[in-house]
Amino acid sequence: MNTLSSHVLDTTLGKPAKGIALTLTLPDGSTLSGETDNDGRFKNWGLVDDSGFPAGIYNLRFHCKSYLIETHGSSFYPHIDITFELTENGGHYHVPLLISPFGFSSYRGS
């Protein structure tokens, strides 16, 4: 079974990024959405059953423009897309995002 979580950190402030909207596009083209909590985290995708995410290619969009403008006064990125692949029975996947008004990075977390 595959599970998925994310965490957004503002590297300029050294703090979690609260209130960033997320859109996850599944391999079949359907989408799920959510928003980071006070600690910049999100994991409750609201799947209909407990079977987790199937193997396939996913796209996770972080809608960061409004957060960056509100927090820093400017944003070069209206959104950031991270495309990744889940394998069959890959376990837990964690996709963190480190952001600033003019840069970002990501990696496979744990």
PDB file of N, CA and C in Angstrom:
ATOM      1  N   MET A   1       0.843  -1.184   0.000  1.00  0.00           N
ATOM      2  CA  MET A   1       0.000   0.000   0.000  1.00  0.00           C
ATOM      3  C   MET A   1       0.885   1.243   0.000  1.00  0.00           C
ATOM      4  N   ASN A   2       0.504   2.230  -0.792  1.00  0.00           N
ATOM      5  CA  ASN A   2       1.229   3.489  -0.862  1.00  0.00           C
ATOM      6  C   ASN A   2       0.459   4.584  -0.135  1.00  0.00           C
ATOM      7  N   THR A   3       1.176   5.359   0.668  1.00  0.00           N
ATOM      8  CA  THR A   3       0.620   6.543   1.299  1.00  0.00           C
ATOM      9  C   THR A   3       1.467   7.737   0.864  1.00  0.00           C
ATOM     10  N   LEU A   4       0.901   8.929   1.023  1.00  0.00           N
ATOM     11  CA  LEU A   4       1.568  10.131   0.530  1.00  0.00           C
ATOM     12  C   LEU A   4       1.351  11.293   1.488  1.00  0.00           C
ATOM     13  N   SER A   5       2.431  12.000   1.785  1.00  0.00           N
ATOM     14  CA  SER A   5       2.345  13.212   2.590  1.00  0.00           C
ATOM     15  C   SER A   5       3.264  14.271   1.993  1.00  0.00           C
ATOM     16  N   SER A   6       3.096  15.510   2.463  1.00  0.00           N
ATOM     17  CA  SER A   6       3.936  16.600   2.001  1.00  0.00           C
ATOM     18  C   SER A   6       4.186  17.568   3.144  1.00  0.00           C
ATOM     19  N   HIS A   7       5.217  18.372   2.988  1.00  0.00           N
ATOM     20  CA  HIS A   7       5.595  19.349   3.996  1.00  0.00           C
ATOM     21  C   HIS A   7       6.228  20.525   3.248  1.00  0.00           C
ATOM     22  N   VAL A   8       5.771  21.734   3.508  1.00  0.00           N
ATOM     23  CA  VAL A   8       6.324  22.908   2.847  1.00  0.00           C
ATOM     24  C   VAL A   8       7.002  23.781   3.898  1.00  0.00           C
ATOM     25  N   LEU A   9       8.275  24.091   3.632  1.00  0.00           N
ATOM     26  CA  LEU A   9       9.048  24.941   4.535  1.00  0.00           C
ATOM     27  C   LEU A   9       9.497  26.200   3.800  1.00  0.00           C
ATOM     28  N   ASP A  10       9.347  27.323   4.447  1.00  0.00           N
ATOM     29  CA  ASP A  10       9.786  28.609   3.920  1.00  0.00           C
ATOM     30  C   ASP A  10      11.237  28.792   4.353  1.00  0.00           C
ATOM     31  N   THR A  11      12.167  28.655   3.414  1.00  0.00           N
ATOM     32  CA  THR A  11      13.586  28.719   3.770  1.00  0.00           C
ATOM     33  C   THR A  11      14.058  30.136   4.098  1.00  0.00           C
ATOM     34  N   THR A  12      13.337  31.139   3.643  1.00  0.00           N
ATOM     35  CA  THR A  12      13.698  32.519   3.971  1.00  0.00           C
ATOM     36  C   THR A  12      13.438  32.800   5.448  1.00  0.00           C
ATOM     37  N   LEU A  13      12.294  32.321   5.935  1.00  0.00           N
ATOM     38  CA  LEU A  13      11.929  32.550   7.331  1.00  0.00           C
ATOM     39  C   LEU A  13      12.401  31.440   8.257  1.00  0.00           C
ATOM     40  N   GLY A  14      12.717  30.282   7.672  1.00  0.00           N
ATOM     41  CA  GLY A  14      13.072  29.132   8.499  1.00  0.00           C
ATOM     42  C   GLY A  14      11.877  28.585   9.260  1.00  0.00           C
ATOM     43  N   LYS A  15      10.693  28.678   8.629  1.00  0.00           N
ATOM     44  CA  LYS A  15       9.449  28.264   9.285  1.00  0.00           C
ATOM     45  C   LYS A  15       8.578  27.472   8.322  1.00  0.00           C
ATOM     46  N   PRO A  16       7.608  26.716   8.841  1.00  0.00           N
ATOM     47  CA  PRO A  16       6.640  26.030   7.984  1.00  0.00           C
ATOM     48  C   PRO A  16       5.793  27.036   7.214  1.00  0.00           C
ATOM     49  N   ALA A  17       5.364  26.638   6.019  1.00  0.00           N
ATOM     50  CA  ALA A  17       4.511  27.479   5.176  1.00  0.00           C
ATOM     51  C   ALA A  17       3.062  27.021   5.331  1.00  0.00           C
ATOM     52  N   LYS A  18       2.309  27.770   6.087  1.00  0.00           N
ATOM     53  CA  LYS A  18       0.907  27.476   6.388  1.00  0.00           C
ATOM     54  C   LYS A  18      -0.006  27.984   5.281  1.00  0.00           C
ATOM     55  N   GLY A  19      -1.042  27.208   4.947  1.00  0.00           N
ATOM     56  CA  GLY A  19      -2.101  27.678   4.054  1.00  0.00           C
ATOM     57  C   GLY A  19      -1.803  27.588   2.578  1.00  0.00           C
ATOM     58  N   ILE A  20      -0.846  26.761   2.171  1.00  0.00           N
ATOM     59  CA  ILE A  20      -0.577  26.594   0.743  1.00  0.00           C
ATOM     60  C   ILE A  20      -1.499  25.509   0.188  1.00  0.00           C
ATOM     61  N   ALA A  21      -2.254  25.867  -0.834  1.00  0.00           N
ATOM     62  CA  ALA A  21      -3.155  24.908  -1.478  1.00  0.00           C
ATOM     63  C   ALA A  21      -2.351  23.909  -2.299  1.00  0.00           C
ATOM     64  N   LEU A  22      -2.797  22.651  -2.293  1.00  0.00           N
ATOM     65  CA  LEU A  22      -2.148  21.571  -3.028  1.00  0.00           C
ATOM     66  C   LEU A  22      -3.163  20.908  -3.945  1.00  0.00           C
ATOM     67  N   THR A  23      -2.729  20.541  -5.140  1.00  0.00           N
ATOM     68  CA  THR A  23      -3.559  19.753  -6.045  1.00  0.00           C
ATOM     69  C   THR A  23      -2.734  18.561  -6.497  1.00  0.00           C
ATOM     70  N   LEU A  24      -3.245  17.364  -6.238  1.00  0.00           N
ATOM     71  CA  LEU A  24      -2.581  16.127  -6.643  1.00  0.00           C
ATOM     72  C   LEU A  24      -3.330  15.550  -7.837  1.00  0.00           C
ATOM     73  N   THR A  25      -2.623  15.372  -8.953  1.00  0.00           N
ATOM     74  CA  THR A  25      -3.209  14.732 -10.130  1.00  0.00           C
ATOM     75  C   THR A  25      -2.770  13.288 -10.142  1.00  0.00           C
ATOM     76  N   LEU A  26      -3.747  12.384 -10.150  1.00  0.00           N
ATOM     77  CA  LEU A  26      -3.498  10.945 -10.122  1.00  0.00           C
ATOM     78  C   LEU A  26      -3.250  10.424 -11.534  1.00  0.00           C
ATOM     79  N   PRO A  27      -2.725   9.194 -11.642  1.00  0.00           N
ATOM     80  CA  PRO A  27      -2.439   8.639 -12.969  1.00  0.00           C
ATOM     81  C   PRO A  27      -3.639   8.614 -13.912  1.00  0.00           C
ATOM     82  N   ASP A  28      -4.850   8.487 -13.368  1.00  0.00           N
ATOM     83  CA  ASP A  28      -6.043   8.442 -14.223  1.00  0.00           C
ATOM     84  C   ASP A  28      -6.551   9.832 -14.602  1.00  0.00           C
ATOM     85  N   GLY A  29      -5.860  10.890 -14.150  1.00  0.00           N
ATOM     86  CA  GLY A  29      -6.257  12.256 -14.476  1.00  0.00           C
ATOM     87  C   GLY A  29      -7.152  12.915 -13.448  1.00  0.00           C
ATOM     88  N   SER A  30      -7.674  12.151 -12.504  1.00  0.00           N
ATOM     89  CA  SER A  30      -8.505  12.753 -11.464  1.00  0.00           C
ATOM     90  C   SER A  30      -7.611  13.535 -10.501  1.00  0.00           C
ATOM     91  N   THR A  31      -8.222  14.415  -9.715  1.00  0.00           N
ATOM     92  CA  THR A  31      -7.451  15.246  -8.805  1.00  0.00           C
ATOM     93  C   THR A  31      -8.001  15.183  -7.384  1.00  0.00           C
ATOM     94  N   LEU A  32      -7.105  15.420  -6.449  1.00  0.00           N
ATOM     95  CA  LEU A  32      -7.431  15.567  -5.038  1.00  0.00           C
ATOM     96  C   LEU A  32      -6.788  16.878  -4.586  1.00  0.00           C
ATOM     97  N   SER A  33      -7.332  17.482  -3.546  1.00  0.00           N
ATOM     98  CA  SER A  33      -6.763  18.757  -3.119  1.00  0.00           C
ATOM     99  C   SER A  33      -6.737  18.865  -1.603  1.00  0.00           C
ATOM    100  N   GLY A  34      -5.966  19.815  -1.137  1.00  0.00           N
ATOM    101  CA  GLY A  34      -5.849  20.067   0.292  1.00  0.00           C
ATOM    102  C   GLY A  34      -5.085  21.348   0.528  1.00  0.00           C
ATOM    103  N   GLU A  35      -4.736  21.587   1.786  1.00  0.00           N
ATOM    104  CA  GLU A  35      -4.023  22.796   2.167  1.00  0.00           C
ATOM    105  C   GLU A  35      -3.115  22.490   3.349  1.00  0.00           C
ATOM    106  N   THR A  36      -1.921  23.051   3.328  1.00  0.00           N
ATOM    107  CA  THR A  36      -0.989  22.794   4.420  1.00  0.00           C
ATOM    108  C   THR A  36      -1.517  23.367   5.735  1.00  0.00           C
ATOM    109  N   ASP A  37      -1.236  22.633   6.814  1.00  0.00           N
ATOM    110  CA  ASP A  37      -1.696  23.040   8.143  1.00  0.00           C
ATOM    111  C   ASP A  37      -0.716  24.039   8.785  1.00  0.00           C
ATOM    112  N   ASN A  38      -0.894  24.330  10.056  1.00  0.00           N
ATOM    113  CA  ASN A  38      -0.047  25.300  10.761  1.00  0.00           C
ATOM    114  C   ASN A  38       1.423  24.901  10.766  1.00  0.00           C
ATOM    115  N   ASP A  39       1.701  23.602  10.621  1.00  0.00           N
ATOM    116  CA  ASP A  39       3.077  23.116  10.597  1.00  0.00           C
ATOM    117  C   ASP A  39       3.572  22.910   9.163  1.00  0.00           C
ATOM    118  N   GLY A  40       2.808  23.397   8.169  1.00  0.00           N
ATOM    119  CA  GLY A  40       3.201  23.274   6.767  1.00  0.00           C
ATOM    120  C   GLY A  40       3.023  21.877   6.202  1.00  0.00           C
ATOM    121  N   ARG A  41       2.276  21.026   6.880  1.00  0.00           N
ATOM    122  CA  ARG A  41       2.132  19.619   6.479  1.00  0.00           C
ATOM    123  C   ARG A  41       0.749  19.326   5.901  1.00  0.00           C
ATOM    124  N   PHE A  42       0.704  18.289   5.060  1.00  0.00           N
ATOM    125  CA  PHE A  42      -0.580  17.789   4.566  1.00  0.00           C
ATOM    126  C   PHE A  42      -0.457  16.310   4.251  1.00  0.00           C
ATOM    127  N   LYS A  43      -1.463  15.519   4.704  1.00  0.00           N
ATOM    128  CA  LYS A  43      -1.469  14.087   4.414  1.00  0.00           C
ATOM    129  C   LYS A  43      -2.868  13.501   4.257  1.00  0.00           C
ATOM    130  N   ASN A  44      -3.899  14.262   4.543  1.00  0.00           N
ATOM    131  CA  ASN A  44      -5.263  13.729   4.505  1.00  0.00           C
ATOM    132  C   ASN A  44      -5.889  13.950   3.131  1.00  0.00           C
ATOM    133  N   TRP A  45      -5.590  13.058   2.195  1.00  0.00           N
ATOM    134  CA  TRP A  45      -6.056  13.222   0.816  1.00  0.00           C
ATOM    135  C   TRP A  45      -7.516  12.820   0.633  1.00  0.00           C
ATOM    136  N   GLY A  46      -8.128  12.220   1.641  1.00  0.00           N
ATOM    137  CA  GLY A  46      -9.545  11.875   1.553  1.00  0.00           C
ATOM    138  C   GLY A  46      -9.843  10.759   0.571  1.00  0.00           C
ATOM    139  N   LEU A  47      -8.975   9.762   0.516  1.00  0.00           N
ATOM    140  CA  LEU A  47      -9.236   8.621  -0.374  1.00  0.00           C
ATOM    141  C   LEU A  47     -10.511   7.915   0.051  1.00  0.00           C
ATOM    142  N   VAL A  48     -11.258   7.419  -0.918  1.00  0.00           N
ATOM    143  CA  VAL A  48     -12.542   6.778  -0.660  1.00  0.00           C
ATOM    144  C   VAL A  48     -12.360   5.478   0.125  1.00  0.00           C
ATOM    145  N   ASP A  49     -11.312   4.724  -0.170  1.00  0.00           N
ATOM    146  CA  ASP A  49     -11.063   3.480   0.555  1.00  0.00           C
ATOM    147  C   ASP A  49      -9.668   3.511   1.182  1.00  0.00           C
ATOM    148  N   ASP A  50      -9.336   2.472   1.911  1.00  0.00           N
ATOM    149  CA  ASP A  50      -8.061   2.414   2.615  1.00  0.00           C
ATOM    150  C   ASP A  50      -6.973   1.693   1.839  1.00  0.00           C
ATOM    151  N   SER A  51      -7.138   1.538   0.527  1.00  0.00           N
ATOM    152  CA  SER A  51      -6.156   0.784  -0.253  1.00  0.00           C
ATOM    153  C   SER A  51      -4.941   1.627  -0.638  1.00  0.00           C
ATOM    154  N   GLY A  52      -4.933   2.904  -0.327  1.00  0.00           N
ATOM    155  CA  GLY A  52      -3.800   3.772  -0.637  1.00  0.00           C
ATOM    156  C   GLY A  52      -3.772   4.174  -2.097  1.00  0.00           C
ATOM    157  N   PHE A  53      -2.633   4.682  -2.513  1.00  0.00           N
ATOM    158  CA  PHE A  53      -2.463   5.164  -3.879  1.00  0.00           C
ATOM    159  C   PHE A  53      -1.905   4.061  -4.771  1.00  0.00           C
ATOM    160  N   PRO A  54      -2.477   3.883  -5.955  1.00  0.00           N
ATOM    161  CA  PRO A  54      -1.931   2.874  -6.877  1.00  0.00           C
ATOM    162  C   PRO A  54      -0.604   3.334  -7.476  1.00  0.00           C
ATOM    163  N   ALA A  55       0.142   2.378  -7.996  1.00  0.00           N
ATOM    164  CA  ALA A  55       1.391   2.713  -8.681  1.00  0.00           C
ATOM    165  C   ALA A  55       1.076   3.597  -9.886  1.00  0.00           C
ATOM    166  N   GLY A  56       2.000   4.464 -10.231  1.00  0.00           N
ATOM    167  CA  GLY A  56       1.817   5.327 -11.397  1.00  0.00           C
ATOM    168  C   GLY A  56       2.515   6.656 -11.227  1.00  0.00           C
ATOM    169  N   ILE A  57       2.336   7.495 -12.225  1.00  0.00           N
ATOM    170  CA  ILE A  57       2.960   8.813 -12.239  1.00  0.00           C
ATOM    171  C   ILE A  57       1.953   9.849 -11.742  1.00  0.00           C
ATOM    172  N   TYR A  58       2.412  10.660 -10.804  1.00  0.00           N
ATOM    173  CA  TYR A  58       1.586  11.668 -10.139  1.00  0.00           C
ATOM    174  C   TYR A  58       2.194  13.047 -10.348  1.00  0.00           C
ATOM    175  N   ASN A  59       1.349  14.065 -10.241  1.00  0.00           N
ATOM    176  CA  ASN A  59       1.827  15.442 -10.248  1.00  0.00           C
ATOM    177  C   ASN A  59       1.253  16.144  -9.023  1.00  0.00           C
ATOM    178  N   LEU A  60       2.132  16.744  -8.239  1.00  0.00           N
ATOM    179  CA  LEU A  60       1.711  17.498  -7.063  1.00  0.00           C
ATOM    180  C   LEU A  60       1.994  18.967  -7.320  1.00  0.00           C
ATOM    181  N   ARG A  61       0.932  19.761  -7.370  1.00  0.00           N
ATOM    182  CA  ARG A  61       1.062  21.200  -7.616  1.00  0.00           C
ATOM    183  C   ARG A  61       0.900  21.944  -6.302  1.00  0.00           C
ATOM    184  N   PHE A  62       1.867  22.794  -6.022  1.00  0.00           N
ATOM    185  CA  PHE A  62       1.842  23.668  -4.856  1.00  0.00           C
ATOM    186  C   PHE A  62       1.469  25.062  -5.354  1.00  0.00           C
ATOM    187  N   HIS A  63       0.329  25.572  -4.938  1.00  0.00           N
ATOM    188  CA  HIS A  63      -0.147  26.900  -5.350  1.00  0.00           C
ATOM    189  C   HIS A  63       0.442  27.917  -4.366  1.00  0.00           C
ATOM    190  N   CYS A  64       1.649  28.383  -4.647  1.00  0.00           N
ATOM    191  CA  CYS A  64       2.413  29.148  -3.658  1.00  0.00           C
ATOM    192  C   CYS A  64       2.400  30.662  -3.857  1.00  0.00           C
ATOM    193  N   LYS A  65       1.869  31.155  -4.957  1.00  0.00           N
ATOM    194  CA  LYS A  65       1.958  32.589  -5.251  1.00  0.00           C
ATOM    195  C   LYS A  65       1.365  33.466  -4.147  1.00  0.00           C
ATOM    196  N   SER A  66       0.153  33.180  -3.735  1.00  0.00           N
ATOM    197  CA  SER A  66      -0.484  34.059  -2.739  1.00  0.00           C
ATOM    198  C   SER A  66       0.271  34.009  -1.412  1.00  0.00           C
ATOM    199  N   TYR A  67       0.751  32.833  -1.014  1.00  0.00           N
ATOM    200  CA  TYR A  67       1.533  32.735   0.216  1.00  0.00           C
ATOM    201  C   TYR A  67       2.800  33.585   0.112  1.00  0.00           C
ATOM    202  N   LEU A  68       3.536  33.443  -0.974  1.00  0.00           N
ATOM    203  CA  LEU A  68       4.804  34.165  -1.114  1.00  0.00           C
ATOM    204  C   LEU A  68       4.599  35.675  -1.200  1.00  0.00           C
ATOM    205  N   ILE A  69       3.566  36.117  -1.905  1.00  0.00           N
ATOM    206  CA  ILE A  69       3.292  37.555  -1.985  1.00  0.00           C
ATOM    207  C   ILE A  69       2.888  38.093  -0.613  1.00  0.00           C
ATOM    208  N   GLU A  70       2.003  37.377   0.062  1.00  0.00           N
ATOM    209  CA  GLU A  70       1.549  37.821   1.380  1.00  0.00           C
ATOM    210  C   GLU A  70       2.702  37.837   2.394  1.00  0.00           C
ATOM    211  N   THR A  71       3.578  36.855   2.320  1.00  0.00           N
ATOM    212  CA  THR A  71       4.648  36.717   3.298  1.00  0.00           C
ATOM    213  C   THR A  71       5.894  37.521   2.955  1.00  0.00           C
ATOM    214  N   HIS A  72       6.228  37.591   1.639  1.00  0.00           N
ATOM    215  CA  HIS A  72       7.489  38.204   1.228  1.00  0.00           C
ATOM    216  C   HIS A  72       7.332  39.388   0.257  1.00  0.00           C
ATOM    217  N   GLY A  73       6.132  39.644  -0.205  1.00  0.00           N
ATOM    218  CA  GLY A  73       5.909  40.775  -1.094  1.00  0.00           C
ATOM    219  C   GLY A  73       6.112  40.494  -2.567  1.00  0.00           C
ATOM    220  N   SER A  74       6.625  39.312  -2.908  1.00  0.00           N
ATOM    221  CA  SER A  74       6.800  38.969  -4.315  1.00  0.00           C
ATOM    222  C   SER A  74       6.915  37.448  -4.467  1.00  0.00           C
ATOM    223  N   SER A  75       6.679  37.013  -5.702  1.00  0.00           N
ATOM    224  CA  SER A  75       6.791  35.594  -6.008  1.00  0.00           C
ATOM    225  C   SER A  75       7.129  35.429  -7.482  1.00  0.00           C
ATOM    226  N   PHE A  76       8.186  34.749  -7.774  1.00  0.00           N
ATOM    227  CA  PHE A  76       8.547  34.438  -9.154  1.00  0.00           C
ATOM    228  C   PHE A  76       7.717  33.265  -9.663  1.00  0.00           C
ATOM    229  N   TYR A  77       7.267  32.415  -8.760  1.00  0.00           N
ATOM    230  CA  TYR A  77       6.548  31.186  -9.114  1.00  0.00           C
ATOM    231  C   TYR A  77       5.071  31.277  -8.735  1.00  0.00           C
ATOM    232  N   PRO A  78       4.166  31.230  -9.717  1.00  0.00           N
ATOM    233  CA  PRO A  78       2.743  31.192  -9.370  1.00  0.00           C
ATOM    234  C   PRO A  78       2.363  29.842  -8.767  1.00  0.00           C
ATOM    235  N   HIS A  79       3.046  28.803  -9.215  1.00  0.00           N
ATOM    236  CA  HIS A  79       2.870  27.461  -8.642  1.00  0.00           C
ATOM    237  C   HIS A  79       4.133  26.656  -8.935  1.00  0.00           C
ATOM    238  N   ILE A  80       4.279  25.567  -8.211  1.00  0.00           N
ATOM    239  CA  ILE A  80       5.414  24.672  -8.411  1.00  0.00           C
ATOM    240  C   ILE A  80       4.847  23.272  -8.596  1.00  0.00           C
ATOM    241  N   ASP A  81       5.220  22.623  -9.694  1.00  0.00           N
ATOM    242  CA  ASP A  81       4.784  21.263  -9.983  1.00  0.00           C
ATOM    243  C   ASP A  81       5.924  20.289  -9.728  1.00  0.00           C
ATOM    244  N   ILE A  82       5.619  19.215  -9.024  1.00  0.00           N
ATOM    245  CA  ILE A  82       6.575  18.137  -8.828  1.00  0.00           C
ATOM    246  C   ILE A  82       5.919  16.859  -9.333  1.00  0.00           C
ATOM    247  N   THR A  83       6.549  16.259 -10.319  1.00  0.00           N
ATOM    248  CA  THR A  83       6.043  15.017 -10.901  1.00  0.00           C
ATOM    249  C   THR A  83       6.921  13.881 -10.404  1.00  0.00           C
ATOM    250  N   PHE A  84       6.286  12.806  -9.953  1.00  0.00           N
ATOM    251  CA  PHE A  84       7.016  11.687  -9.370  1.00  0.00           C
ATOM    252  C   PHE A  84       6.269  10.392  -9.652  1.00  0.00           C
ATOM    253  N   GLU A  85       6.937   9.277  -9.426  1.00  0.00           N
ATOM    254  CA  GLU A  85       6.346   7.971  -9.696  1.00  0.00           C
ATOM    255  C   GLU A  85       6.290   7.133  -8.430  1.00  0.00           C
ATOM    256  N   LEU A  86       5.102   6.592  -8.149  1.00  0.00           N
ATOM    257  CA  LEU A  86       4.919   5.649  -7.054  1.00  0.00           C
ATOM    258  C   LEU A  86       4.996   4.236  -7.622  1.00  0.00           C
ATOM    259  N   THR A  87       5.706   3.370  -6.931  1.00  0.00           N
ATOM    260  CA  THR A  87       5.807   1.978  -7.367  1.00  0.00           C
ATOM    261  C   THR A  87       4.790   1.125  -6.612  1.00  0.00           C
ATOM    262  N   GLU A  88       4.537  -0.053  -7.106  1.00  0.00           N
ATOM    263  CA  GLU A  88       3.616  -0.984  -6.454  1.00  0.00           C
ATOM    264  C   GLU A  88       4.159  -1.333  -5.072  1.00  0.00           C
ATOM    265  N   ASN A  89       3.329  -1.168  -4.044  1.00  0.00           N
ATOM    266  CA  ASN A  89       3.709  -1.459  -2.659  1.00  0.00           C
ATOM    267  C   ASN A  89       4.992  -0.750  -2.247  1.00  0.00           C
ATOM    268  N   GLY A  90       5.122   0.512  -2.652  1.00  0.00           N
ATOM    269  CA  GLY A  90       6.323   1.297  -2.333  1.00  0.00           C
ATOM    270  C   GLY A  90       6.351   1.833  -0.919  1.00  0.00           C
ATOM    271  N   GLY A  91       5.237   1.725  -0.201  1.00  0.00           N
ATOM    272  CA  GLY A  91       5.188   2.201   1.178  1.00  0.00           C
ATOM    273  C   GLY A  91       4.807   3.663   1.272  1.00  0.00           C
ATOM    274  N   HIS A  92       5.451   4.346   2.203  1.00  0.00           N
ATOM    275  CA  HIS A  92       5.124   5.757   2.421  1.00  0.00           C
ATOM    276  C   HIS A  92       6.021   6.645   1.564  1.00  0.00           C
ATOM    277  N   TYR A  93       5.394   7.583   0.883  1.00  0.00           N
ATOM    278  CA  TYR A  93       6.110   8.587   0.092  1.00  0.00           C
ATOM    279  C   TYR A  93       5.876   9.944   0.739  1.00  0.00           C
ATOM    280  N   HIS A  94       6.945  10.706   0.859  1.00  0.00           N
ATOM    281  CA  HIS A  94       6.857  12.043   1.434  1.00  0.00           C
ATOM    282  C   HIS A  94       7.530  13.000   0.458  1.00  0.00           C
ATOM    283  N   VAL A  95       6.786  14.035   0.036  1.00  0.00           N
ATOM    284  CA  VAL A  95       7.302  14.995  -0.944  1.00  0.00           C
ATOM    285  C   VAL A  95       7.392  16.360  -0.275  1.00  0.00           C
ATOM    286  N   PRO A  96       8.558  16.695   0.284  1.00  0.00           N
ATOM    287  CA  PRO A  96       8.734  18.006   0.886  1.00  0.00           C
ATOM    288  C   PRO A  96       9.090  19.054  -0.164  1.00  0.00           C
ATOM    289  N   LEU A  97       8.728  20.287   0.138  1.00  0.00           N
ATOM    290  CA  LEU A  97       9.072  21.412  -0.734  1.00  0.00           C
ATOM    291  C   LEU A  97       9.692  22.498   0.130  1.00  0.00           C
ATOM    292  N   LEU A  98      10.859  22.971  -0.283  1.00  0.00           N
ATOM    293  CA  LEU A  98      11.524  24.100   0.361  1.00  0.00           C
ATOM    294  C   LEU A  98      11.361  25.286  -0.581  1.00  0.00           C
ATOM    295  N   ILE A  99      10.764  26.383  -0.080  1.00  0.00           N
ATOM    296  CA  ILE A  99      10.483  27.515  -0.967  1.00  0.00           C
ATOM    297  C   ILE A  99      11.041  28.822  -0.422  1.00  0.00           C
ATOM    298  N   SER A 100      11.261  29.733  -1.358  1.00  0.00           N
ATOM    299  CA  SER A 100      11.554  31.135  -1.075  1.00  0.00           C
ATOM    300  C   SER A 100      10.938  31.903  -2.245  1.00  0.00           C
ATOM    301  N   PRO A 101      10.893  33.216  -2.214  1.00  0.00           N
ATOM    302  CA  PRO A 101      10.264  33.943  -3.317  1.00  0.00           C
ATOM    303  C   PRO A 101      10.906  33.682  -4.681  1.00  0.00           C
ATOM    304  N   PHE A 102      12.173  33.297  -4.703  1.00  0.00           N
ATOM    305  CA  PHE A 102      12.869  33.140  -5.985  1.00  0.00           C
ATOM    306  C   PHE A 102      13.585  31.807  -6.140  1.00  0.00           C
ATOM    307  N   GLY A 103      13.187  30.794  -5.365  1.00  0.00           N
ATOM    308  CA  GLY A 103      13.819  29.490  -5.502  1.00  0.00           C
ATOM    309  C   GLY A 103      13.029  28.413  -4.781  1.00  0.00           C
ATOM    310  N   PHE A 104      13.280  27.163  -5.181  1.00  0.00           N
ATOM    311  CA  PHE A 104      12.654  26.033  -4.503  1.00  0.00           C
ATOM    312  C   PHE A 104      13.503  24.781  -4.723  1.00  0.00           C
ATOM    313  N   SER A 105      13.292  23.797  -3.860  1.00  0.00           N
ATOM    314  CA  SER A 105      13.902  22.480  -4.046  1.00  0.00           C
ATOM    315  C   SER A 105      12.997  21.446  -3.398  1.00  0.00           C
ATOM    316  N   SER A 106      13.180  20.199  -3.810  1.00  0.00           N
ATOM    317  CA  SER A 106      12.407  19.098  -3.280  1.00  0.00           C
ATOM    318  C   SER A 106      13.251  17.837  -3.314  1.00  0.00           C
ATOM    319  N   TYR A 107      12.797  16.830  -2.607  1.00  0.00           N
ATOM    320  CA  TYR A 107      13.479  15.540  -2.553  1.00  0.00           C
ATOM    321  C   TYR A 107      12.479  14.516  -2.061  1.00  0.00           C
ATOM    322  N   ARG A 108      12.838  13.234  -2.123  1.00  0.00           N
ATOM    323  CA  ARG A 108      11.961  12.215  -1.538  1.00  0.00           C
ATOM    324  C   ARG A 108      12.319  12.097  -0.068  1.00  0.00           C
ATOM    325  N   GLY A 109      11.409  12.492   0.769  1.00  0.00           N
ATOM    326  CA  GLY A 109      11.621  12.427   2.217  1.00  0.00           C
ATOM    327  C   GLY A 109      11.158  11.102   2.778  1.00  0.00           C
ATOM    328  N   SER A 110      11.139  11.051   4.096  1.00  0.00           N
ATOM    329  CA  SER A 110      10.697   9.809   4.755  1.00  0.00           C
ATOM    330  C   SER A 110       9.550  10.093   5.705  1.00  0.00           C
TER     331      SER A 110
END
